[in-house]
Amino acid sequence: MPVHRIYSHYWHRYWNQNRDHLVQPTQHLTKRIMKKYLALILMVILSSNMVQAQQSVEVDVEKSNVEWLAKKVGGQHDGLVSIQKANIIFNSQGEVSQANIVMDMTSITVEDLSGGAKNSLTNHLKDPDFFNTEDYPEASFTVKEGNGKSGEVLGILTIKDISKEYALQYEYKDGEIKGKLVIDRTDFDIMYKSKSILDAKAVADGFIYDEFTITFTLVSK
């Protein structure tokens, strides 16, 4: 009998005797592969749904701004700062999950005064006693991920290249985001007439409170 017929004869006999043992591992391997493919498909679907659930809001910087309010003994001042660029992303629950707001500090204005007094205070805010806008023309507030609280998000506020974490209280309604931060100016080395560094006589003559408020108004396009 030719050699190839001998091999064929023994192979068929071996296959018939061991078919179950040979097929079962193959079926088991196929099931494992199918499970992996199904898991991969599920991950892709879930990732796609998460991306689709996010809402990116394009901000109209011409209609948006930042209002500031600072108080001193016997009075207060307020003004505006322009927004240079901003983008906000909401998650599927309508909460801010990411944000980047860049403010043009060279645009800072005083709105409660007029004439020479207005110009004098505006220029003072731009000098090294306060925001030193020549060296630090931008400030920013950045959110990398939401904190799971409705109407509040933690972000990094950067002024004069100093970064601190602050909680932003916000509301989104009719295409407009309103957000409020209460800031300790000494966190950013703005110490002019701060009670924390003045002696008793200087405090008696008047000081500026360390906390001031900025309110974001972001209008979507």
N, C-alpha and C. Protein backbone atom coordinates (compact mmCIF):
# COMPACT_ATOMS: atom_id res chain seq x y z
N MET A 1 0.86 -1.19 0.00
CA MET A 1 0.00 0.00 0.00
C MET A 1 0.90 1.24 0.00
N PRO A 2 0.58 2.23 -0.85
CA PRO A 2 1.41 3.45 -0.88
C PRO A 2 1.43 4.13 0.48
N VAL A 3 2.53 4.86 0.71
CA VAL A 3 2.72 5.50 2.02
C VAL A 3 1.61 6.49 2.33
N HIS A 4 1.21 7.29 1.31
CA HIS A 4 0.20 8.32 1.59
C HIS A 4 -1.13 7.70 1.95
N ARG A 5 -1.43 6.50 1.41
CA ARG A 5 -2.68 5.83 1.78
C ARG A 5 -2.61 5.32 3.22
N ILE A 6 -1.41 4.87 3.62
CA ILE A 6 -1.23 4.40 5.00
C ILE A 6 -1.48 5.55 5.97
N TYR A 7 -0.87 6.73 5.68
CA TYR A 7 -1.07 7.91 6.54
C TYR A 7 -2.53 8.31 6.59
N SER A 8 -3.19 8.27 5.41
CA SER A 8 -4.59 8.66 5.35
C SER A 8 -5.45 7.71 6.17
N HIS A 9 -5.14 6.41 6.07
CA HIS A 9 -5.91 5.40 6.80
C HIS A 9 -5.81 5.63 8.31
N TYR A 10 -4.58 5.82 8.78
CA TYR A 10 -4.39 6.01 10.22
C TYR A 10 -4.95 7.35 10.70
N TRP A 11 -4.86 8.37 9.86
CA TRP A 11 -5.41 9.68 10.25
C TRP A 11 -6.92 9.62 10.42
N HIS A 12 -7.64 8.97 9.50
CA HIS A 12 -9.09 8.87 9.61
C HIS A 12 -9.48 8.06 10.84
N ARG A 13 -8.72 7.01 11.11
CA ARG A 13 -9.04 6.21 12.29
C ARG A 13 -8.80 7.02 13.57
N TYR A 14 -7.69 7.78 13.57
CA TYR A 14 -7.38 8.63 14.74
C TYR A 14 -8.46 9.71 14.94
N TRP A 15 -8.90 10.29 13.83
CA TRP A 15 -9.92 11.35 13.89
C TRP A 15 -11.23 10.81 14.44
N ASN A 16 -11.64 9.63 13.94
CA ASN A 16 -12.90 9.04 14.39
C ASN A 16 -12.86 8.69 15.87
N GLN A 17 -11.69 8.28 16.36
CA GLN A 17 -11.56 7.89 17.76
C GLN A 17 -11.45 9.10 18.70
N ASN A 18 -10.95 10.22 18.19
CA ASN A 18 -10.64 11.37 19.07
C ASN A 18 -11.37 12.65 18.65
N ARG A 19 -12.43 12.50 17.86
CA ARG A 19 -13.12 13.69 17.34
C ARG A 19 -13.59 14.62 18.45
N ASP A 20 -14.21 14.06 19.47
CA ASP A 20 -14.76 14.89 20.54
C ASP A 20 -13.67 15.69 21.25
N HIS A 21 -12.53 15.07 21.48
CA HIS A 21 -11.43 15.75 22.17
C HIS A 21 -10.82 16.86 21.32
N LEU A 22 -10.83 16.63 19.99
CA LEU A 22 -10.24 17.64 19.10
C LEU A 22 -11.18 18.81 18.86
N VAL A 23 -12.49 18.54 18.77
CA VAL A 23 -13.46 19.59 18.46
C VAL A 23 -13.73 20.48 19.65
N GLN A 24 -13.83 19.91 20.84
CA GLN A 24 -14.19 20.70 22.02
C GLN A 24 -13.23 21.85 22.30
N PRO A 25 -11.91 21.63 22.28
CA PRO A 25 -11.01 22.78 22.49
C PRO A 25 -11.19 23.86 21.44
N THR A 26 -11.46 23.42 20.18
CA THR A 26 -11.67 24.40 19.11
C THR A 26 -12.92 25.23 19.38
N GLN A 27 -13.99 24.55 19.81
CA GLN A 27 -15.22 25.26 20.13
C GLN A 27 -15.01 26.21 21.30
N HIS A 28 -14.24 25.74 22.31
CA HIS A 28 -13.96 26.57 23.47
C HIS A 28 -13.18 27.82 23.08
N LEU A 29 -12.18 27.62 22.18
CA LEU A 29 -11.39 28.75 21.71
C LEU A 29 -12.25 29.74 20.94
N THR A 30 -13.16 29.21 20.11
CA THR A 30 -14.06 30.07 19.34
C THR A 30 -14.94 30.91 20.26
N LYS A 31 -15.45 30.29 21.33
CA LYS A 31 -16.28 31.02 22.28
C LYS A 31 -15.49 32.13 22.95
N ARG A 32 -14.24 31.85 23.31
CA ARG A 32 -13.41 32.88 23.95
C ARG A 32 -13.18 34.05 23.01
N ILE A 33 -12.91 33.74 21.74
CA ILE A 33 -12.68 34.81 20.75
C ILE A 33 -13.94 35.64 20.58
N MET A 34 -15.11 34.97 20.51
CA MET A 34 -16.37 35.68 20.34
C MET A 34 -16.65 36.60 21.53
N LYS A 35 -16.34 36.12 22.73
CA LYS A 35 -16.55 36.94 23.93
C LYS A 35 -15.69 38.20 23.87
N LYS A 36 -14.45 38.05 23.42
CA LYS A 36 -13.56 39.21 23.33
C LYS A 36 -14.08 40.21 22.31
N TYR A 37 -14.56 39.69 21.16
CA TYR A 37 -15.09 40.58 20.13
C TYR A 37 -16.34 41.30 20.62
N LEU A 38 -17.21 40.59 21.32
CA LEU A 38 -18.42 41.20 21.85
C LEU A 38 -18.09 42.28 22.88
N ALA A 39 -17.09 42.01 23.74
CA ALA A 39 -16.67 43.00 24.73
C ALA A 39 -16.11 44.24 24.06
N LEU A 40 -15.33 44.04 22.99
CA LEU A 40 -14.76 45.17 22.26
C LEU A 40 -15.85 46.00 21.60
N ILE A 41 -16.82 45.32 20.99
CA ILE A 41 -17.93 46.02 20.34
C ILE A 41 -18.72 46.83 21.37
N LEU A 42 -18.94 46.24 22.55
CA LEU A 42 -19.68 46.92 23.61
C LEU A 42 -18.95 48.17 24.07
N MET A 43 -17.61 48.08 24.21
CA MET A 43 -16.81 49.23 24.61
C MET A 43 -16.91 50.35 23.59
N VAL A 44 -16.86 50.00 22.31
CA VAL A 44 -16.96 51.01 21.24
C VAL A 44 -18.31 51.70 21.28
N ILE A 45 -19.39 50.91 21.49
CA ILE A 45 -20.74 51.48 21.54
C ILE A 45 -20.88 52.43 22.73
N LEU A 46 -20.38 52.00 23.90
CA LEU A 46 -20.48 52.84 25.10
C LEU A 46 -19.68 54.12 24.94
N SER A 47 -18.48 54.01 24.37
CA SER A 47 -17.64 55.20 24.15
C SER A 47 -18.33 56.16 23.20
N SER A 48 -18.94 55.61 22.16
CA SER A 48 -19.65 56.44 21.18
C SER A 48 -20.81 57.17 21.83
N ASN A 49 -21.55 56.47 22.70
CA ASN A 49 -22.68 57.09 23.39
C ASN A 49 -22.23 58.19 24.32
N MET A 50 -21.08 57.99 25.00
CA MET A 50 -20.56 59.00 25.91
C MET A 50 -20.18 60.26 25.15
N VAL A 51 -19.52 60.08 23.99
CA VAL A 51 -19.12 61.23 23.18
C VAL A 51 -20.35 61.98 22.70
N GLN A 52 -21.37 61.20 22.23
CA GLN A 52 -22.58 61.84 21.72
C GLN A 52 -23.34 62.56 22.82
N ALA A 53 -23.23 62.06 24.08
CA ALA A 53 -23.97 62.65 25.18
C ALA A 53 -23.38 63.99 25.60
N GLN A 54 -22.11 64.23 25.31
CA GLN A 54 -21.50 65.50 25.67
C GLN A 54 -21.97 66.61 24.75
N GLN A 55 -22.09 67.80 25.33
CA GLN A 55 -22.52 68.96 24.55
C GLN A 55 -21.46 70.04 24.65
N SER A 56 -20.91 70.41 23.53
CA SER A 56 -19.90 71.47 23.49
C SER A 56 -20.57 72.80 23.18
N VAL A 57 -20.31 73.80 24.01
CA VAL A 57 -20.92 75.12 23.84
C VAL A 57 -19.86 76.10 23.33
N GLU A 58 -20.12 76.67 22.17
CA GLU A 58 -19.22 77.67 21.61
C GLU A 58 -19.61 79.04 22.15
N VAL A 59 -18.66 79.73 22.75
CA VAL A 59 -18.93 81.00 23.44
C VAL A 59 -18.70 82.18 22.51
N ASP A 60 -19.65 83.11 22.51
CA ASP A 60 -19.52 84.35 21.75
C ASP A 60 -18.80 85.37 22.63
N VAL A 61 -17.51 85.56 22.40
CA VAL A 61 -16.71 86.42 23.29
C VAL A 61 -17.11 87.89 23.19
N GLU A 62 -17.71 88.29 22.07
CA GLU A 62 -18.13 89.68 21.92
C GLU A 62 -19.30 90.02 22.84
N LYS A 63 -20.13 89.03 23.13
CA LYS A 63 -21.30 89.25 23.99
C LYS A 63 -21.05 88.81 25.43
N SER A 64 -19.91 88.22 25.68
CA SER A 64 -19.59 87.69 27.01
C SER A 64 -18.60 88.60 27.73
N ASN A 65 -18.57 88.52 29.05
CA ASN A 65 -17.61 89.31 29.81
C ASN A 65 -17.47 88.78 31.23
N VAL A 66 -16.60 89.44 31.97
CA VAL A 66 -16.40 89.14 33.39
C VAL A 66 -16.60 90.44 34.17
N GLU A 67 -17.45 90.40 35.17
CA GLU A 67 -17.64 91.55 36.05
C GLU A 67 -16.85 91.32 37.34
N TRP A 68 -16.19 92.35 37.82
CA TRP A 68 -15.48 92.25 39.09
C TRP A 68 -16.06 93.24 40.10
N LEU A 69 -15.99 92.88 41.36
CA LEU A 69 -16.48 93.73 42.45
C LEU A 69 -15.52 93.62 43.63
N ALA A 70 -14.96 94.75 44.04
CA ALA A 70 -14.03 94.78 45.17
C ALA A 70 -14.50 95.82 46.18
N LYS A 71 -14.30 95.50 47.46
CA LYS A 71 -14.78 96.39 48.52
C LYS A 71 -13.63 96.91 49.38
N LYS A 72 -13.83 98.11 49.88
CA LYS A 72 -12.87 98.72 50.80
C LYS A 72 -13.65 99.33 51.95
N VAL A 73 -12.94 99.81 52.95
CA VAL A 73 -13.62 100.46 54.07
C VAL A 73 -14.33 101.71 53.55
N GLY A 74 -15.63 101.73 53.70
CA GLY A 74 -16.40 102.90 53.29
C GLY A 74 -16.82 102.92 51.84
N GLY A 75 -16.63 101.84 51.10
CA GLY A 75 -17.06 101.88 49.70
C GLY A 75 -16.69 100.64 48.91
N GLN A 76 -16.90 100.71 47.61
CA GLN A 76 -16.58 99.59 46.72
C GLN A 76 -16.41 100.10 45.30
N HIS A 77 -15.82 99.28 44.46
CA HIS A 77 -15.67 99.60 43.04
C HIS A 77 -16.00 98.35 42.22
N ASP A 78 -16.44 98.58 40.98
CA ASP A 78 -16.73 97.46 40.10
C ASP A 78 -16.33 97.80 38.68
N GLY A 79 -16.19 96.76 37.86
CA GLY A 79 -15.80 96.97 36.48
C GLY A 79 -15.90 95.71 35.66
N LEU A 80 -15.28 95.73 34.49
CA LEU A 80 -15.39 94.63 33.53
C LEU A 80 -14.01 94.17 33.05
N VAL A 81 -13.97 92.93 32.60
CA VAL A 81 -12.79 92.37 31.93
C VAL A 81 -13.31 91.60 30.71
N SER A 82 -12.67 91.77 29.57
CA SER A 82 -13.08 91.06 28.36
C SER A 82 -12.61 89.61 28.39
N ILE A 83 -13.38 88.77 27.73
CA ILE A 83 -12.99 87.36 27.57
C ILE A 83 -12.31 87.20 26.21
N GLN A 84 -11.13 86.65 26.24
CA GLN A 84 -10.35 86.47 25.02
C GLN A 84 -10.81 85.25 24.24
N LYS A 85 -11.03 84.15 24.96
CA LYS A 85 -11.57 82.93 24.34
C LYS A 85 -12.15 82.05 25.44
N ALA A 86 -13.11 81.21 25.05
CA ALA A 86 -13.74 80.32 26.03
C ALA A 86 -14.45 79.18 25.34
N ASN A 87 -14.39 78.02 25.95
CA ASN A 87 -15.20 76.88 25.48
C ASN A 87 -15.63 76.06 26.69
N ILE A 88 -16.85 75.56 26.62
CA ILE A 88 -17.45 74.81 27.72
C ILE A 88 -17.99 73.49 27.18
N ILE A 89 -17.81 72.41 27.94
CA ILE A 89 -18.38 71.12 27.57
C ILE A 89 -19.25 70.63 28.73
N PHE A 90 -20.49 70.26 28.41
CA PHE A 90 -21.42 69.71 29.40
C PHE A 90 -21.52 68.21 29.21
N ASN A 91 -21.72 67.48 30.31
CA ASN A 91 -21.94 66.04 30.21
C ASN A 91 -23.43 65.75 29.99
N SER A 92 -23.79 64.47 29.98
CA SER A 92 -25.17 64.07 29.68
C SER A 92 -26.16 64.52 30.75
N GLN A 93 -25.66 64.84 31.96
CA GLN A 93 -26.54 65.33 33.03
C GLN A 93 -26.69 66.85 33.01
N GLY A 94 -26.08 67.51 32.02
CA GLY A 94 -26.17 68.96 31.93
C GLY A 94 -25.24 69.68 32.87
N GLU A 95 -24.19 68.99 33.35
CA GLU A 95 -23.21 69.59 34.25
C GLU A 95 -21.93 69.90 33.49
N VAL A 96 -21.25 70.97 33.90
CA VAL A 96 -19.98 71.31 33.27
C VAL A 96 -18.96 70.22 33.56
N SER A 97 -18.38 69.66 32.50
CA SER A 97 -17.36 68.62 32.68
C SER A 97 -15.97 69.12 32.30
N GLN A 98 -15.93 70.10 31.39
CA GLN A 98 -14.66 70.71 30.99
C GLN A 98 -14.91 72.18 30.65
N ALA A 99 -13.90 73.00 30.89
CA ALA A 99 -14.04 74.42 30.55
C ALA A 99 -12.66 75.07 30.47
N ASN A 100 -12.58 76.07 29.63
CA ASN A 100 -11.36 76.87 29.55
C ASN A 100 -11.77 78.31 29.22
N ILE A 101 -11.56 79.21 30.17
CA ILE A 101 -11.94 80.61 30.00
C ILE A 101 -10.67 81.45 30.14
N VAL A 102 -10.34 82.19 29.11
CA VAL A 102 -9.14 83.04 29.13
C VAL A 102 -9.58 84.50 29.12
N MET A 103 -9.09 85.26 30.11
CA MET A 103 -9.47 86.67 30.26
C MET A 103 -8.33 87.59 29.83
N ASP A 104 -8.69 88.66 29.17
CA ASP A 104 -7.72 89.67 28.73
C ASP A 104 -7.61 90.73 29.83
N MET A 105 -6.60 90.61 30.68
CA MET A 105 -6.48 91.52 31.82
C MET A 105 -6.11 92.94 31.41
N THR A 106 -5.57 93.11 30.21
CA THR A 106 -5.25 94.46 29.74
C THR A 106 -6.51 95.26 29.43
N SER A 107 -7.65 94.56 29.35
CA SER A 107 -8.92 95.23 29.02
C SER A 107 -9.69 95.67 30.25
N ILE A 108 -9.14 95.47 31.45
CA ILE A 108 -9.87 95.76 32.68
C ILE A 108 -10.33 97.21 32.72
N THR A 109 -11.58 97.41 33.14
CA THR A 109 -12.15 98.76 33.23
C THR A 109 -12.79 98.97 34.59
N VAL A 110 -13.02 100.23 34.92
CA VAL A 110 -13.76 100.62 36.13
C VAL A 110 -15.06 101.25 35.66
N GLU A 111 -16.19 100.74 36.16
CA GLU A 111 -17.49 101.18 35.65
C GLU A 111 -18.24 102.11 36.59
N ASP A 112 -17.82 102.21 37.85
CA ASP A 112 -18.58 103.03 38.80
C ASP A 112 -18.01 104.44 38.93
N LEU A 113 -16.94 104.74 38.20
CA LEU A 113 -16.34 106.07 38.22
C LEU A 113 -16.34 106.65 36.81
N SER A 114 -16.01 107.91 36.70
CA SER A 114 -15.91 108.56 35.39
C SER A 114 -14.77 109.56 35.40
N GLY A 115 -14.40 110.01 34.21
CA GLY A 115 -13.38 111.05 34.09
C GLY A 115 -12.02 110.62 34.60
N GLY A 116 -11.35 111.57 35.28
CA GLY A 116 -10.00 111.33 35.77
C GLY A 116 -9.92 110.23 36.81
N ALA A 117 -10.93 110.16 37.68
CA ALA A 117 -10.94 109.13 38.73
C ALA A 117 -11.01 107.73 38.11
N LYS A 118 -11.81 107.61 37.06
CA LYS A 118 -11.94 106.32 36.36
C LYS A 118 -10.61 105.91 35.74
N ASN A 119 -9.97 106.85 35.04
CA ASN A 119 -8.69 106.56 34.39
C ASN A 119 -7.60 106.24 35.40
N SER A 120 -7.60 106.97 36.52
CA SER A 120 -6.58 106.77 37.54
C SER A 120 -6.67 105.37 38.15
N LEU A 121 -7.88 104.95 38.52
CA LEU A 121 -8.03 103.62 39.13
C LEU A 121 -7.79 102.51 38.11
N THR A 122 -8.23 102.73 36.87
CA THR A 122 -7.99 101.72 35.83
C THR A 122 -6.50 101.48 35.64
N ASN A 123 -5.74 102.57 35.55
CA ASN A 123 -4.29 102.45 35.38
C ASN A 123 -3.63 101.81 36.60
N HIS A 124 -4.15 102.13 37.79
CA HIS A 124 -3.59 101.55 39.01
C HIS A 124 -3.81 100.03 39.04
N LEU A 125 -4.99 99.59 38.61
CA LEU A 125 -5.27 98.15 38.58
C LEU A 125 -4.34 97.40 37.63
N LYS A 126 -3.85 98.10 36.62
CA LYS A 126 -2.97 97.46 35.63
C LYS A 126 -1.51 97.45 36.07
N ASP A 127 -1.17 98.21 37.11
CA ASP A 127 0.25 98.29 37.49
C ASP A 127 0.60 97.20 38.50
N PRO A 128 1.88 97.09 38.91
CA PRO A 128 2.32 95.98 39.78
C PRO A 128 1.65 95.92 41.15
N ASP A 129 1.01 97.00 41.62
CA ASP A 129 0.29 96.92 42.89
C ASP A 129 -0.86 95.91 42.82
N PHE A 130 -1.39 95.73 41.61
CA PHE A 130 -2.54 94.83 41.44
C PHE A 130 -2.22 93.73 40.42
N PHE A 131 -2.67 93.87 39.18
CA PHE A 131 -2.59 92.76 38.23
C PHE A 131 -1.36 92.77 37.31
N ASN A 132 -0.60 93.85 37.32
CA ASN A 132 0.64 93.92 36.54
C ASN A 132 0.42 93.37 35.12
N THR A 133 -0.50 94.00 34.41
CA THR A 133 -0.94 93.46 33.12
C THR A 133 0.14 93.50 32.03
N GLU A 134 1.15 94.32 32.21
CA GLU A 134 2.23 94.34 31.22
C GLU A 134 2.98 93.02 31.21
N ASP A 135 3.22 92.47 32.40
CA ASP A 135 3.93 91.20 32.50
C ASP A 135 2.98 90.00 32.46
N TYR A 136 1.73 90.21 32.88
CA TYR A 136 0.76 89.12 32.95
C TYR A 136 -0.55 89.55 32.27
N PRO A 137 -0.56 89.57 30.96
CA PRO A 137 -1.74 90.09 30.23
C PRO A 137 -2.96 89.18 30.26
N GLU A 138 -2.79 87.92 30.66
CA GLU A 138 -3.91 86.99 30.66
C GLU A 138 -4.12 86.36 32.03
N ALA A 139 -5.37 86.03 32.31
CA ALA A 139 -5.74 85.20 33.46
C ALA A 139 -6.67 84.13 32.92
N SER A 140 -6.81 83.02 33.65
CA SER A 140 -7.64 81.94 33.11
C SER A 140 -8.31 81.14 34.23
N PHE A 141 -9.40 80.49 33.84
CA PHE A 141 -10.07 79.53 34.73
C PHE A 141 -10.29 78.26 33.91
N THR A 142 -9.75 77.14 34.41
CA THR A 142 -9.77 75.89 33.65
C THR A 142 -10.36 74.76 34.48
N VAL A 143 -11.26 74.02 33.85
CA VAL A 143 -11.86 72.83 34.47
C VAL A 143 -11.47 71.62 33.63
N LYS A 144 -10.86 70.61 34.26
CA LYS A 144 -10.45 69.40 33.55
C LYS A 144 -11.53 68.33 33.60
N GLU A 145 -12.27 68.26 34.70
CA GLU A 145 -13.37 67.31 34.82
C GLU A 145 -14.33 67.80 35.89
N GLY A 146 -15.60 67.44 35.73
CA GLY A 146 -16.61 67.85 36.70
C GLY A 146 -16.44 67.14 38.03
N ASN A 147 -17.05 67.71 39.07
CA ASN A 147 -16.94 67.10 40.40
C ASN A 147 -18.23 66.41 40.83
N GLY A 148 -19.19 66.28 39.90
CA GLY A 148 -20.42 65.55 40.20
C GLY A 148 -21.47 66.35 40.93
N LYS A 149 -21.19 67.62 41.24
CA LYS A 149 -22.16 68.46 41.93
C LYS A 149 -22.89 69.34 40.93
N SER A 150 -24.20 69.33 41.00
CA SER A 150 -25.00 70.15 40.10
C SER A 150 -24.84 71.62 40.45
N GLY A 151 -24.48 72.44 39.47
CA GLY A 151 -24.36 73.88 39.70
C GLY A 151 -23.05 74.30 40.34
N GLU A 152 -22.10 73.38 40.47
CA GLU A 152 -20.80 73.73 41.04
C GLU A 152 -19.72 72.88 40.39
N VAL A 153 -18.58 73.50 40.14
CA VAL A 153 -17.46 72.77 39.55
C VAL A 153 -16.15 73.32 40.10
N LEU A 154 -15.19 72.43 40.31
CA LEU A 154 -13.86 72.85 40.77
C LEU A 154 -12.97 73.12 39.57
N GLY A 155 -12.24 74.22 39.64
CA GLY A 155 -11.34 74.56 38.55
C GLY A 155 -10.09 75.25 39.06
N ILE A 156 -9.17 75.49 38.15
CA ILE A 156 -7.91 76.15 38.49
C ILE A 156 -7.94 77.58 37.96
N LEU A 157 -7.87 78.53 38.88
CA LEU A 157 -7.80 79.94 38.53
C LEU A 157 -6.34 80.36 38.51
N THR A 158 -5.92 80.96 37.40
CA THR A 158 -4.53 81.41 37.26
C THR A 158 -4.50 82.91 37.03
N ILE A 159 -3.83 83.62 37.95
CA ILE A 159 -3.64 85.07 37.85
C ILE A 159 -2.17 85.34 38.15
N LYS A 160 -1.52 86.13 37.30
CA LYS A 160 -0.10 86.45 37.47
C LYS A 160 0.75 85.18 37.56
N ASP A 161 0.39 84.19 36.76
CA ASP A 161 1.10 82.90 36.70
C ASP A 161 1.06 82.13 38.01
N ILE A 162 0.14 82.47 38.89
CA ILE A 162 -0.07 81.73 40.14
C ILE A 162 -1.41 81.02 40.02
N SER A 163 -1.42 79.72 40.30
CA SER A 163 -2.63 78.91 40.11
C SER A 163 -3.16 78.40 41.45
N LYS A 164 -4.46 78.55 41.64
CA LYS A 164 -5.13 78.07 42.85
C LYS A 164 -6.46 77.42 42.47
N GLU A 165 -6.87 76.45 43.27
CA GLU A 165 -8.15 75.77 43.02
C GLU A 165 -9.29 76.56 43.66
N TYR A 166 -10.35 76.76 42.88
CA TYR A 166 -11.53 77.47 43.36
C TYR A 166 -12.79 76.75 42.87
N ALA A 167 -13.86 76.88 43.65
CA ALA A 167 -15.16 76.31 43.27
C ALA A 167 -15.99 77.39 42.57
N LEU A 168 -16.45 77.08 41.38
CA LEU A 168 -17.29 77.99 40.61
C LEU A 168 -18.75 77.59 40.75
N GLN A 169 -19.57 78.53 41.22
CA GLN A 169 -21.02 78.33 41.26
C GLN A 169 -21.57 78.83 39.93
N TYR A 170 -22.38 78.02 39.25
CA TYR A 170 -22.84 78.44 37.92
C TYR A 170 -24.28 78.01 37.66
N GLU A 171 -24.86 78.66 36.65
CA GLU A 171 -26.20 78.32 36.18
C GLU A 171 -26.22 78.47 34.66
N TYR A 172 -26.82 77.50 33.99
CA TYR A 172 -26.91 77.53 32.53
C TYR A 172 -28.38 77.60 32.14
N LYS A 173 -28.76 78.69 31.49
CA LYS A 173 -30.16 78.89 31.15
C LYS A 173 -30.27 79.73 29.88
N ASP A 174 -31.10 79.26 28.96
CA ASP A 174 -31.38 79.99 27.72
C ASP A 174 -30.11 80.39 26.98
N GLY A 175 -29.17 79.45 26.89
CA GLY A 175 -27.95 79.69 26.13
C GLY A 175 -26.95 80.60 26.81
N GLU A 176 -27.13 80.85 28.11
CA GLU A 176 -26.24 81.75 28.84
C GLU A 176 -25.76 81.08 30.12
N ILE A 177 -24.46 81.13 30.34
CA ILE A 177 -23.87 80.57 31.56
C ILE A 177 -23.47 81.71 32.48
N LYS A 178 -23.98 81.67 33.71
CA LYS A 178 -23.60 82.63 34.73
C LYS A 178 -22.79 81.89 35.79
N GLY A 179 -21.58 82.37 36.06
CA GLY A 179 -20.74 81.72 37.06
C GLY A 179 -20.12 82.74 38.00
N LYS A 180 -19.94 82.36 39.25
CA LYS A 180 -19.44 83.30 40.26
C LYS A 180 -18.30 82.69 41.06
N LEU A 181 -17.24 83.48 41.22
CA LEU A 181 -16.09 83.09 42.04
C LEU A 181 -15.84 84.15 43.10
N VAL A 182 -15.63 83.73 44.33
CA VAL A 182 -15.20 84.63 45.40
C VAL A 182 -13.73 84.33 45.65
N ILE A 183 -12.88 85.33 45.42
CA ILE A 183 -11.44 85.12 45.36
C ILE A 183 -10.72 85.87 46.47
N ASP A 184 -9.72 85.24 47.03
CA ASP A 184 -8.81 85.90 47.97
C ASP A 184 -7.61 86.41 47.16
N ARG A 185 -7.52 87.72 47.02
CA ARG A 185 -6.48 88.29 46.15
C ARG A 185 -5.06 88.00 46.64
N THR A 186 -4.92 87.76 47.96
CA THR A 186 -3.58 87.48 48.48
C THR A 186 -3.06 86.13 48.00
N ASP A 187 -3.96 85.25 47.53
CA ASP A 187 -3.53 83.99 46.92
C ASP A 187 -2.66 84.24 45.69
N PHE A 188 -2.84 85.42 45.09
CA PHE A 188 -2.16 85.73 43.83
C PHE A 188 -1.17 86.89 44.00
N ASP A 189 -0.71 87.05 45.24
CA ASP A 189 0.31 88.06 45.57
C ASP A 189 -0.14 89.48 45.22
N ILE A 190 -1.43 89.75 45.43
CA ILE A 190 -1.95 91.12 45.28
C ILE A 190 -2.17 91.64 46.70
N MET A 191 -1.17 92.34 47.22
CA MET A 191 -1.14 92.67 48.64
C MET A 191 -1.41 94.15 48.94
N TYR A 192 -1.63 94.95 47.92
CA TYR A 192 -1.80 96.39 48.13
C TYR A 192 -2.94 96.68 49.11
N LYS A 193 -2.60 97.39 50.20
CA LYS A 193 -3.54 97.77 51.25
C LYS A 193 -4.34 96.59 51.80
N SER A 194 -3.69 95.45 51.86
CA SER A 194 -4.32 94.29 52.49
C SER A 194 -4.18 94.40 54.01
N LYS A 195 -5.25 94.13 54.70
CA LYS A 195 -5.23 94.21 56.16
C LYS A 195 -4.20 93.27 56.76
N SER A 196 -3.88 92.20 56.03
CA SER A 196 -2.96 91.19 56.54
C SER A 196 -1.52 91.69 56.65
N ILE A 197 -1.18 92.78 55.96
CA ILE A 197 0.20 93.27 56.02
C ILE A 197 0.31 94.69 56.59
N LEU A 198 -0.83 95.31 56.92
CA LEU A 198 -0.81 96.69 57.40
C LEU A 198 -0.68 96.73 58.92
N ASP A 199 -0.04 97.79 59.41
CA ASP A 199 0.00 97.98 60.87
C ASP A 199 -1.30 98.64 61.32
N ALA A 200 -1.45 98.80 62.61
CA ALA A 200 -2.71 99.30 63.18
C ALA A 200 -3.07 100.68 62.64
N LYS A 201 -2.08 101.57 62.51
CA LYS A 201 -2.36 102.92 62.02
C LYS A 201 -2.84 102.89 60.57
N ALA A 202 -2.17 102.07 59.75
CA ALA A 202 -2.56 101.98 58.34
C ALA A 202 -3.96 101.39 58.20
N VAL A 203 -4.27 100.42 59.04
CA VAL A 203 -5.61 99.82 59.01
C VAL A 203 -6.65 100.86 59.37
N ALA A 204 -6.33 101.69 60.35
CA ALA A 204 -7.27 102.74 60.76
C ALA A 204 -7.49 103.76 59.65
N ASP A 205 -6.47 103.98 58.83
CA ASP A 205 -6.58 104.93 57.73
C ASP A 205 -7.40 104.37 56.56
N GLY A 206 -7.57 103.06 56.54
CA GLY A 206 -8.36 102.43 55.49
C GLY A 206 -7.63 101.29 54.81
N PHE A 207 -8.35 100.26 54.46
CA PHE A 207 -7.75 99.12 53.77
C PHE A 207 -8.74 98.57 52.76
N ILE A 208 -8.23 97.72 51.89
CA ILE A 208 -9.06 97.06 50.88
C ILE A 208 -9.25 95.61 51.31
N TYR A 209 -10.48 95.14 51.29
CA TYR A 209 -10.73 93.76 51.69
C TYR A 209 -10.04 92.78 50.73
N ASP A 210 -9.57 91.68 51.30
CA ASP A 210 -8.84 90.70 50.48
C ASP A 210 -9.75 89.97 49.50
N GLU A 211 -10.97 89.71 49.89
CA GLU A 211 -11.88 88.99 49.01
C GLU A 211 -12.53 89.92 47.98
N PHE A 212 -12.56 89.47 46.74
CA PHE A 212 -13.33 90.17 45.72
C PHE A 212 -14.05 89.13 44.87
N THR A 213 -15.04 89.58 44.13
CA THR A 213 -15.91 88.67 43.38
C THR A 213 -15.77 88.90 41.89
N ILE A 214 -15.71 87.81 41.14
CA ILE A 214 -15.82 87.93 39.69
C ILE A 214 -16.99 87.07 39.23
N THR A 215 -17.75 87.62 38.29
CA THR A 215 -18.93 86.93 37.77
C THR A 215 -18.78 86.78 36.26
N PHE A 216 -18.78 85.53 35.81
CA PHE A 216 -18.70 85.24 34.38
C PHE A 216 -20.09 85.30 33.76
N THR A 217 -20.20 85.95 32.62
CA THR A 217 -21.40 85.86 31.79
C THR A 217 -20.94 85.36 30.43
N LEU A 218 -21.27 84.11 30.13
CA LEU A 218 -20.84 83.48 28.88
C LEU A 218 -22.06 83.22 28.01
N VAL A 219 -22.10 83.87 26.86
CA VAL A 219 -23.23 83.75 25.95
C VAL A 219 -22.84 82.82 24.80
N SER A 220 -23.65 81.79 24.58
CA SER A 220 -23.34 80.84 23.51
C SER A 220 -23.72 81.43 22.15
N LYS A 221 -23.03 80.97 21.12
CA LYS A 221 -23.31 81.44 19.76
C LYS A 221 -24.58 80.79 19.22
